[in-house]
Amino acid sequence: MLTWIIVILLVLWLLGYFGPNVFSGIPRSGNAIHTLLVIVIILVILNLLGVL
């Protein structure tokens, strides 16, 4: 379950980061990209430590 959340957040981050350059219909998301990246990194670290 946690792995799927990490994958979904990572895909959303990639879409937000590269999306506006590739597809003109995707708006720029600003700080939300960095927030998603921080959440993904925290979840990965917690998963590696065995907390979650």
Protein backbone atom coordinates (compact mmCIF):
# COMPACT_ATOMS: atom_id res chain seq x y z
CA MET A 1 0.00 0.00 0.00
CA LEU A 2 2.74 2.45 0.93
CA THR A 3 4.64 1.55 -2.22
CA TRP A 4 1.63 2.51 -4.36
CA ILE A 5 1.31 5.84 -2.57
CA ILE A 6 4.99 6.54 -3.19
CA VAL A 7 4.66 5.61 -6.87
CA ILE A 8 1.54 7.76 -7.34
CA LEU A 9 3.15 10.76 -5.66
CA LEU A 10 6.29 10.32 -7.73
CA VAL A 11 4.28 10.14 -10.96
CA LEU A 12 2.33 13.26 -9.97
CA TRP A 13 5.59 15.05 -9.21
CA LEU A 14 7.04 14.06 -12.58
CA LEU A 15 3.89 15.23 -14.36
CA GLY A 16 4.01 18.53 -12.53
CA TYR A 17 7.69 19.03 -13.25
CA PHE A 18 7.92 17.89 -16.88
CA GLY A 19 4.26 18.20 -17.86
CA PRO A 20 4.11 21.88 -18.85
CA ASN A 21 7.15 21.48 -21.10
CA VAL A 22 5.80 18.39 -22.86
CA PHE A 23 2.03 19.02 -22.84
CA SER A 24 0.91 22.64 -23.08
CA GLY A 25 -2.45 21.82 -21.46
CA ILE A 26 -0.92 21.05 -18.04
CA PRO A 27 -0.57 24.25 -15.97
CA ARG A 28 2.54 25.06 -13.97
CA SER A 29 2.08 23.96 -10.37
CA GLY A 30 4.82 25.91 -8.59
CA ASN A 31 5.58 24.86 -5.02
CA ALA A 32 3.28 21.82 -5.12
CA ILE A 33 5.99 19.99 -7.09
CA HIS A 34 8.52 20.43 -4.31
CA THR A 35 5.97 19.53 -1.65
CA LEU A 36 5.20 16.23 -3.41
CA LEU A 37 8.92 15.51 -3.74
CA VAL A 38 9.50 16.07 -0.03
CA ILE A 39 6.56 13.80 0.86
CA VAL A 40 7.92 11.06 -1.41
CA ILE A 41 11.41 11.32 0.08
CA ILE A 42 10.05 11.18 3.64
CA LEU A 43 7.90 8.14 2.85
CA VAL A 44 10.83 6.34 1.21
CA ILE A 45 13.09 7.01 4.19
CA LEU A 46 10.44 5.87 6.66
CA ASN A 47 9.84 2.75 4.57
CA LEU A 48 13.57 1.95 4.51
CA LEU A 49 13.82 2.40 8.26
CA GLY A 50 10.87 0.07 8.76
CA VAL A 51 8.74 2.61 10.58
CA LEU A 52 5.85 2.24 8.14
